[in-house]
Amino acid sequence: MASPVKKLNNGAEIPLIGLGTWQAFSGVEPGQTKSSVRAALEVGYRHIDCAAVYMNQEEVGEAIQEFIQTGKAKRSDIWVTSKLWITCFKPENVRPALERTLKELKLDYLDLYLLHWPIPLEFTGYDLADKFPLAANGLPQFSGVPLAATWKAMEDLVDAGLVRTIGVSNWSILQLADLIASARIVPAVNQIEVHPHNVREDLIKYCDKLGVHVTGYSIFGSNQAGMVKLPEVLSLAAKHNKSAGQVIVRWCLDRGISCVPKSRDPKRLLENLSVGDFVLSEEDIQSLNKLDKGYTVFD
């Protein structure tokens, strides 16, 4: 089972269905991240979405390396995304932070490196022990670094061959417009929260106009806002003889965006990847778009 791909503005091809690793394995035994990533690779995933702040990249790297050693895939077959945490946005911190990520993942390069949020905070160390530093008044301790300066350091990583593609995560229309105005390399990806209660139509259309591909995360919502339980989703699942999760993954793909759903369940891992034998009609898509409430879990 293979994921379809999309050519980005730099010519690289990103698999449209990936495995998200944020908090997918919290509260479980050490080694669960590794076994789950390995299981995903075994059933056909070739896109793994990571981040330094997820604090599990070493296990991700072990799973990738062990899978490559089986001969079932080469490094070039697996798309690996990671993200620069917001306390490392000063230009002098960008490359060392990436080098730590590469060491954790046991890789020589990343396929995609994202600025995690457009909120630069004061540097607190590469181990990210203090992820959200506070000033004496109890408010976030902003670093004041211009995002354009951080982006220049990201562009330097591409020049150095350490990163193939760069992008952003959780950026708005205005933030993207401001960044692109001074960028030498236009962001290839904007990873944002997308689900039927947070459709993001305006932002997706704007990104498409700029040639910036959108990846959706948290596509199933959360335990408190489970999109797979919505009557409209369940109705489409019955119509197409698919699971609710498959309908939401297909909804993302049919809107032209990629997605990185999380799962530890081997059955659901394969299920989320197995959406190539049906499409949603425009009427189907709009029935889910109409559920938009602008509700966000994280964004």
Protein backbone atom coordinates (compact mmCIF):
# COMPACT_ATOMS: atom_id res chain seq x y z
CA MET A 1 0.00 0.00 0.00
CA ALA A 2 1.51 3.34 -1.06
CA SER A 3 0.48 6.92 -0.50
CA PRO A 4 -0.11 9.27 -3.43
CA VAL A 5 2.38 12.13 -3.67
CA LYS A 6 2.29 15.85 -4.43
CA LYS A 7 5.04 17.83 -6.15
CA LEU A 8 6.04 20.85 -4.07
CA ASN A 9 7.22 24.24 -5.32
CA ASN A 10 10.85 23.05 -5.24
CA GLY A 11 10.14 19.87 -7.22
CA ALA A 12 10.28 17.50 -4.23
CA GLU A 13 7.42 15.00 -3.92
CA ILE A 14 5.75 14.68 -0.53
CA PRO A 15 3.63 11.59 0.28
CA LEU A 16 0.13 12.84 0.97
CA ILE A 17 -0.56 10.51 3.90
CA GLY A 18 1.94 10.45 6.74
CA LEU A 19 2.17 9.28 10.32
CA GLY A 20 1.92 11.96 13.00
CA THR A 21 3.94 11.33 16.15
CA TRP A 22 2.83 14.15 18.48
CA GLN A 23 1.61 12.72 21.80
CA ALA A 24 0.63 9.56 19.98
CA PHE A 25 2.53 7.54 22.51
CA SER A 26 2.25 9.48 25.78
CA GLY A 27 1.55 7.37 28.83
CA VAL A 28 2.85 4.16 27.25
CA GLU A 29 5.97 2.14 27.79
CA PRO A 30 9.32 3.23 26.31
CA GLY A 31 9.71 1.69 22.88
CA GLN A 32 6.09 2.22 21.82
CA THR A 33 7.00 5.09 19.50
CA LYS A 34 9.60 2.90 17.84
CA SER A 35 7.27 -0.06 17.40
CA SER A 36 4.43 2.10 16.09
CA VAL A 37 6.62 3.90 13.55
CA ARG A 38 8.05 0.55 12.48
CA ALA A 39 4.54 -0.86 12.06
CA ALA A 40 3.57 2.15 9.93
CA LEU A 41 6.60 1.68 7.70
CA GLU A 42 5.83 -2.03 7.34
CA VAL A 43 2.30 -1.36 6.01
CA GLY A 44 3.51 1.24 3.53
CA TYR A 45 3.88 4.64 5.18
CA ARG A 46 6.72 6.64 3.66
CA HIS A 47 6.10 9.96 5.42
CA ILE A 48 6.89 10.37 9.13
CA ASP A 49 6.08 13.69 10.81
CA CYS A 50 8.29 14.55 13.80
CA ALA A 51 9.34 17.54 15.89
CA ALA A 52 12.07 18.25 18.40
CA VAL A 53 9.50 19.23 21.01
CA TYR A 54 7.72 15.86 20.74
CA MET A 55 10.69 14.43 22.67
CA ASN A 56 10.54 11.07 20.89
CA GLN A 57 12.78 11.52 17.85
CA GLU A 58 15.38 9.00 19.02
CA GLU A 59 12.82 6.18 18.89
CA VAL A 60 11.58 7.42 15.51
CA GLY A 61 15.14 7.34 14.22
CA GLU A 62 15.70 3.81 15.53
CA ALA A 63 12.57 2.59 13.75
CA ILE A 64 13.58 4.21 10.46
CA GLN A 65 17.12 2.85 10.57
CA GLU A 66 16.04 -0.67 11.44
CA PHE A 67 13.49 -0.64 8.62
CA ILE A 68 16.07 0.58 6.10
CA GLN A 69 18.42 -2.20 7.22
CA THR A 70 15.82 -4.80 6.22
CA GLY A 71 16.29 -3.70 2.60
CA LYS A 72 12.59 -2.90 2.18
CA ALA A 73 13.30 0.80 1.58
CA LYS A 74 16.15 3.20 1.03
CA ARG A 75 16.60 6.44 2.97
CA SER A 76 15.47 8.33 -0.13
CA ASP A 77 12.15 6.43 -0.08
CA ILE A 78 11.14 7.81 3.34
CA TRP A 79 10.04 11.42 3.75
CA VAL A 80 10.97 12.72 7.19
CA THR A 81 9.66 16.03 8.49
CA SER A 82 10.79 17.72 11.70
CA LYS A 83 10.25 21.12 13.24
CA LEU A 84 12.40 23.80 14.84
CA TRP A 85 11.07 24.66 18.29
CA ILE A 86 10.29 28.29 19.04
CA THR A 87 13.03 28.75 21.66
CA CYS A 88 15.66 28.09 18.97
CA PHE A 89 14.65 30.83 16.53
CA LYS A 90 17.71 33.03 16.98
CA PRO A 91 19.79 32.57 13.81
CA GLU A 92 22.80 31.28 15.74
CA ASN A 93 20.64 28.53 17.33
CA VAL A 94 19.02 27.23 14.14
CA ARG A 95 21.78 25.00 12.79
CA PRO A 96 22.79 23.50 16.17
CA ALA A 97 19.12 22.69 16.84
CA LEU A 98 18.87 20.95 13.47
CA GLU A 99 22.09 19.04 14.08
CA ARG A 100 20.66 17.75 17.37
CA THR A 101 17.50 16.63 15.54
CA LEU A 102 19.55 14.87 12.86
CA LYS A 103 21.55 13.09 15.55
CA GLU A 104 18.37 11.98 17.32
CA LEU A 105 16.86 10.73 14.08
CA LYS A 106 20.16 9.17 12.95
CA LEU A 107 19.89 10.94 9.59
CA ASP A 108 22.21 13.00 7.40
CA TYR A 109 19.45 15.29 6.15
CA LEU A 110 15.75 16.11 6.53
CA ASP A 111 13.27 16.09 3.69
CA LEU A 112 11.32 18.93 5.32
CA TYR A 113 12.10 21.29 8.22
CA LEU A 114 9.40 23.59 9.55
CA LEU A 115 9.30 26.61 11.84
CA HIS A 116 6.95 25.16 14.43
CA TRP A 117 5.01 28.29 15.43
CA PRO A 118 5.49 31.98 14.51
CA ILE A 119 6.17 32.85 18.16
CA PRO A 120 9.90 33.23 18.93
CA LEU A 121 10.68 32.74 22.62
CA GLU A 122 13.96 33.18 24.47
CA PHE A 123 16.56 30.44 24.03
CA THR A 124 16.61 27.96 26.93
CA GLY A 125 18.89 25.20 25.63
CA TYR A 126 18.79 22.60 22.91
CA ASP A 127 17.39 19.91 25.21
CA LEU A 128 14.09 21.87 25.37
CA ALA A 129 13.77 21.19 29.08
CA ASP A 130 12.07 24.60 29.35
CA LYS A 131 9.75 24.74 26.36
CA PHE A 132 7.81 27.87 27.34
CA PRO A 133 10.09 30.28 29.21
CA LEU A 134 8.38 32.97 31.25
CA ALA A 135 9.57 36.46 32.11
CA ALA A 136 9.57 37.79 35.67
CA ASN A 137 6.02 39.09 35.19
CA GLY A 138 4.79 35.61 34.35
CA LEU A 139 4.25 36.36 30.65
CA PRO A 140 6.00 34.53 27.80
CA GLN A 141 9.63 35.57 27.44
CA PHE A 142 9.76 36.58 23.80
CA SER A 143 13.16 36.71 22.16
CA GLY A 144 12.33 39.58 19.82
CA VAL A 145 14.14 37.93 16.92
CA PRO A 146 12.62 38.88 13.54
CA LEU A 147 11.07 35.85 11.87
CA ALA A 148 12.74 36.91 8.62
CA ALA A 149 16.12 36.41 10.31
CA THR A 150 15.15 32.91 11.42
CA TRP A 151 13.99 32.13 7.90
CA LYS A 152 17.31 33.29 6.48
CA ALA A 153 19.02 30.75 8.76
CA MET A 154 16.61 28.08 7.47
CA GLU A 155 17.54 28.98 3.89
CA ASP A 156 21.19 28.52 4.86
CA LEU A 157 20.38 24.94 5.91
CA VAL A 158 19.12 24.23 2.40
CA ASP A 159 22.32 25.71 0.94
CA ALA A 160 24.35 23.45 3.26
CA GLY A 161 22.51 20.34 2.07
CA LEU A 162 21.23 19.51 5.55
CA VAL A 163 17.59 20.10 4.61
CA ARG A 164 15.93 19.49 1.24
CA THR A 165 12.78 21.53 1.81
CA ILE A 166 11.75 24.22 4.30
CA GLY A 167 8.37 25.46 5.43
CA VAL A 168 6.30 26.71 8.32
CA SER A 169 3.62 25.46 10.68
CA ASN A 170 0.63 27.27 12.16
CA TRP A 171 1.13 30.44 10.09
CA SER A 172 -1.72 32.75 9.13
CA ILE A 173 -2.29 34.54 5.83
CA LEU A 174 -0.72 37.77 7.11
CA GLN A 175 2.28 36.00 8.61
CA LEU A 176 2.91 34.12 5.36
CA ALA A 177 2.60 37.28 3.27
CA ASP A 178 5.06 39.10 5.50
CA LEU A 179 7.58 36.25 5.40
CA ILE A 180 7.40 35.72 1.66
CA ALA A 181 7.95 39.43 1.02
CA SER A 182 11.59 39.06 2.12
CA ALA A 183 12.21 35.35 1.52
CA ARG A 184 14.76 34.03 -0.96
CA ILE A 185 13.18 30.57 -0.75
CA VAL A 186 9.39 30.53 -0.63
CA PRO A 187 8.06 28.14 2.04
CA ALA A 188 7.03 24.88 0.41
CA VAL A 189 4.62 23.78 3.15
CA ASN A 190 2.38 25.28 5.82
CA GLN A 191 1.31 22.62 8.32
CA ILE A 192 -1.91 23.64 10.08
CA GLU A 193 -4.75 22.18 12.12
CA VAL A 194 -7.50 20.99 9.77
CA HIS A 195 -10.67 19.01 10.50
CA PRO A 196 -14.40 19.39 9.73
CA HIS A 197 -14.84 21.86 12.60
CA ASN A 198 -11.82 23.87 11.42
CA VAL A 199 -11.96 23.77 7.63
CA ARG A 200 -9.46 26.61 6.95
CA GLU A 201 -10.80 27.26 3.44
CA ASP A 202 -9.45 30.82 3.13
CA LEU A 203 -5.96 29.90 4.33
CA ILE A 204 -5.80 26.80 2.11
CA LYS A 205 -6.86 28.82 -0.94
CA TYR A 206 -4.31 31.52 -0.15
CA CYS A 207 -1.53 28.96 0.23
CA ASP A 208 -2.53 27.34 -3.04
CA LYS A 209 -2.35 30.72 -4.77
CA LEU A 210 1.20 31.17 -3.48
CA GLY A 211 2.25 27.64 -4.36
CA VAL A 212 2.55 26.69 -0.68
CA HIS A 213 1.31 23.16 0.00
CA VAL A 214 -0.84 22.58 3.09
CA THR A 215 -0.48 19.62 5.42
CA GLY A 216 -3.27 19.07 7.92
CA TYR A 217 -2.72 17.79 11.44
CA SER A 218 -5.25 16.77 14.12
CA ILE A 219 -7.62 15.82 11.29
CA PHE A 220 -9.68 13.64 13.65
CA GLY A 221 -9.89 16.39 16.28
CA SER A 222 -9.35 15.25 19.85
CA ASN A 223 -11.07 12.99 22.33
CA GLN A 224 -13.29 15.93 23.25
CA ALA A 225 -13.97 16.89 19.62
CA GLY A 226 -13.85 13.58 17.80
CA MET A 227 -14.61 14.19 14.14
CA VAL A 228 -15.08 10.45 13.51
CA LYS A 229 -18.29 10.55 15.57
CA LEU A 230 -19.99 13.31 13.58
CA PRO A 231 -23.27 12.15 11.97
CA GLU A 232 -22.30 13.69 8.63
CA VAL A 233 -18.99 11.82 8.61
CA LEU A 234 -20.68 8.56 9.59
CA SER A 235 -23.25 9.06 6.83
CA LEU A 236 -20.51 9.39 4.21
CA ALA A 237 -18.74 6.38 5.68
CA ALA A 238 -21.89 4.30 5.19
CA LYS A 239 -22.39 5.70 1.68
CA HIS A 240 -18.88 4.73 0.57
CA ASN A 241 -18.59 1.58 2.74
CA LYS A 242 -15.54 3.04 4.47
CA SER A 243 -14.59 3.94 8.03
CA ALA A 244 -15.16 7.44 9.38
CA GLY A 245 -11.39 7.92 9.56
CA GLN A 246 -10.98 6.99 5.90
CA VAL A 247 -13.64 9.54 4.94
CA ILE A 248 -11.75 12.32 6.74
CA VAL A 249 -8.41 11.33 5.20
CA ARG A 250 -10.07 11.27 1.76
CA TRP A 251 -11.67 14.67 2.47
CA CYS A 252 -8.19 16.09 3.03
CA LEU A 253 -6.77 14.58 -0.15
CA ASP A 254 -9.72 15.65 -2.26
CA ARG A 255 -9.21 19.23 -1.05
CA GLY A 256 -5.60 19.06 -2.30
CA ILE A 257 -3.86 18.82 1.06
CA SER A 258 -1.78 16.13 2.76
CA CYS A 259 -2.40 14.88 6.28
CA VAL A 260 -0.54 13.23 9.15
CA PRO A 261 -3.06 11.30 11.26
CA LYS A 262 -1.86 9.56 14.42
CA SER A 263 -2.55 5.98 15.40
CA ARG A 264 -1.00 3.19 17.45
CA ASP A 265 -3.49 0.62 16.18
CA PRO A 266 -2.03 -1.50 13.31
CA LYS A 267 -5.50 -1.95 11.80
CA ARG A 268 -6.13 1.80 11.74
CA LEU A 269 -2.65 2.52 10.42
CA LEU A 270 -3.43 0.45 7.35
CA GLU A 271 -6.99 1.76 7.17
CA ASN A 272 -5.88 5.41 7.11
CA LEU A 273 -3.50 4.63 4.26
CA SER A 274 -6.06 2.65 2.26
CA VAL A 275 -8.14 5.39 0.65
CA GLY A 276 -7.09 5.07 -2.98
CA ASP A 277 -10.17 3.20 -4.15
CA PHE A 278 -12.75 5.95 -3.66
CA VAL A 279 -13.19 9.71 -3.91
CA LEU A 280 -15.65 12.16 -2.41
CA SER A 281 -17.96 14.10 -4.67
CA GLU A 282 -18.07 17.87 -4.47
CA GLU A 283 -21.37 17.47 -2.65
CA ASP A 284 -19.71 15.14 -0.14
CA ILE A 285 -16.88 17.60 0.43
CA GLN A 286 -19.23 20.52 0.94
CA SER A 287 -21.34 18.52 3.41
CA LEU A 288 -18.24 18.37 5.63
CA ASN A 289 -17.06 21.91 4.88
CA LYS A 290 -20.43 23.18 6.14
CA LEU A 291 -19.57 21.84 9.59
CA ASP A 292 -16.90 24.51 10.03
CA LYS A 293 -17.03 26.26 13.41
CA GLY A 294 -13.55 27.74 13.43
CA TYR A 295 -12.92 25.44 16.39
CA THR A 296 -9.27 24.70 17.14
CA VAL A 297 -7.67 22.11 19.38
CA PHE A 298 -4.21 23.70 19.20
CA ASP A 299 -4.01 26.43 16.58
